[in-house]
């Protein structure tokens, strides 16, 4: 059984560049026999986080968030692709 890998990308910027890396990772993992899926927050219409999924009562979360929660529960692993900030590594990535 192939590993189910979610590749999560959350940039909403019009000139975003990280999507290229995310798509590259999808191809790379697939070539190695995994089942990767790109979760592009902008493409699926994922709302900006107002409330955490667990804060919604059952059946009240936005449909895109409900669908994502199911995919997260079923995944074997995750890869987060984060954008750069003016060409520099984000502070959280350096620590």
Protein backbone atom coordinates (compact mmCIF):
# COMPACT_ATOMS: atom_id res chain seq x y z
CA UNK A 1 0.00 0.00 0.00
CA UNK A 2 1.40 3.40 -1.02
CA UNK A 3 1.99 6.15 1.52
CA UNK A 4 -0.65 8.88 1.42
CA UNK A 5 1.18 12.20 1.60
CA UNK A 6 -0.54 15.56 1.90
CA UNK A 7 1.47 18.49 0.57
CA UNK A 8 -0.02 21.61 2.15
CA UNK A 9 0.48 25.05 0.62
CA UNK A 10 -1.28 28.07 2.05
CA UNK A 11 -0.19 31.16 0.15
CA UNK A 12 -2.93 33.37 -1.27
CA UNK A 13 -0.57 35.87 -2.95
CA UNK A 14 -1.02 36.56 -6.66
CA UNK A 15 2.71 36.22 -7.42
CA UNK A 16 3.34 33.21 -5.22
CA UNK A 17 6.32 31.07 -6.19
CA UNK A 18 6.14 28.23 -3.67
CA UNK A 19 3.42 26.51 -5.69
CA UNK A 20 6.14 25.48 -8.14
CA UNK A 21 7.96 23.61 -5.37
CA UNK A 22 4.70 22.07 -4.16
CA UNK A 23 3.92 20.73 -7.65
CA UNK A 24 7.49 19.44 -7.99
CA UNK A 25 7.09 17.53 -4.72
CA UNK A 26 3.84 15.98 -5.93
CA UNK A 27 5.64 14.63 -9.00
CA UNK A 28 8.65 13.48 -7.01
CA UNK A 29 6.65 11.56 -4.42
CA UNK A 30 4.45 10.00 -7.12
CA UNK A 31 7.54 8.84 -9.01
CA UNK A 32 8.63 7.02 -5.84
CA UNK A 33 5.35 5.15 -5.54
CA UNK A 34 3.57 7.35 -3.00
CA UNK A 35 0.08 8.82 -3.32
CA UNK A 36 0.69 12.55 -2.92
CA UNK A 37 -2.09 15.13 -2.89
CA UNK A 38 -1.57 18.86 -3.10
CA UNK A 39 -3.75 20.84 -0.72
CA UNK A 40 -3.61 24.38 -2.11
CA UNK A 41 -5.63 26.57 0.24
CA UNK A 42 -6.32 29.18 -2.44
CA UNK A 43 -7.38 26.65 -5.10
CA UNK A 44 -9.85 24.80 -2.86
CA UNK A 45 -11.26 27.99 -1.36
CA UNK A 46 -10.14 27.20 2.17
CA UNK A 47 -11.22 30.13 4.33
CA UNK A 48 -8.65 32.12 6.22
CA UNK A 49 -8.59 30.56 9.66
CA UNK A 50 -11.22 32.22 11.79
CA UNK A 51 -11.88 29.22 14.00
CA UNK A 52 -10.08 25.93 14.39
CA UNK A 53 -11.84 22.85 13.02
CA UNK A 54 -12.26 21.48 16.54
CA UNK A 55 -14.13 24.66 17.56
CA UNK A 56 -17.02 23.89 15.20
CA UNK A 57 -19.82 21.63 16.34
CA UNK A 58 -20.12 18.46 14.28
CA UNK A 59 -21.38 19.26 10.79
CA UNK A 60 -21.01 23.05 11.14
CA UNK A 61 -17.49 23.54 9.70
CA UNK A 62 -17.20 25.06 6.20
CA UNK A 63 -17.29 22.31 3.54
CA UNK A 64 -13.67 22.86 2.43
CA UNK A 65 -12.48 22.61 6.04
CA UNK A 66 -14.59 19.49 6.68
CA UNK A 67 -13.13 17.82 3.58
CA UNK A 68 -9.58 18.76 4.60
CA UNK A 69 -10.10 17.32 8.09
CA UNK A 70 -11.01 13.96 6.56
CA UNK A 71 -7.91 14.00 4.35
CA UNK A 72 -5.69 14.86 7.31
CA UNK A 73 -7.09 11.95 9.33
CA UNK A 74 -6.45 9.55 6.42
CA UNK A 75 -2.92 10.74 5.55
CA UNK A 76 0.25 8.89 6.50
CA UNK A 77 2.44 12.00 6.42
CA UNK A 78 2.50 15.72 5.69
CA UNK A 79 4.79 18.17 3.91
CA UNK A 80 4.30 21.89 4.50
CA UNK A 81 5.53 24.25 1.80
CA UNK A 82 5.95 27.74 3.19
CA UNK A 83 6.58 30.92 1.28
CA UNK A 84 9.55 33.18 1.60
CA UNK A 85 9.41 36.67 2.99
CA UNK A 86 11.30 39.16 0.84
CA UNK A 87 13.78 36.47 -0.14
CA UNK A 88 14.57 35.44 3.44
CA UNK A 89 13.81 32.33 5.44
CA UNK A 90 10.91 32.80 7.86
CA UNK A 91 11.97 33.21 11.44
CA UNK A 92 10.15 30.08 12.61
CA UNK A 93 12.11 28.01 10.06
CA UNK A 94 15.43 29.18 11.50
CA UNK A 95 14.82 28.13 15.08
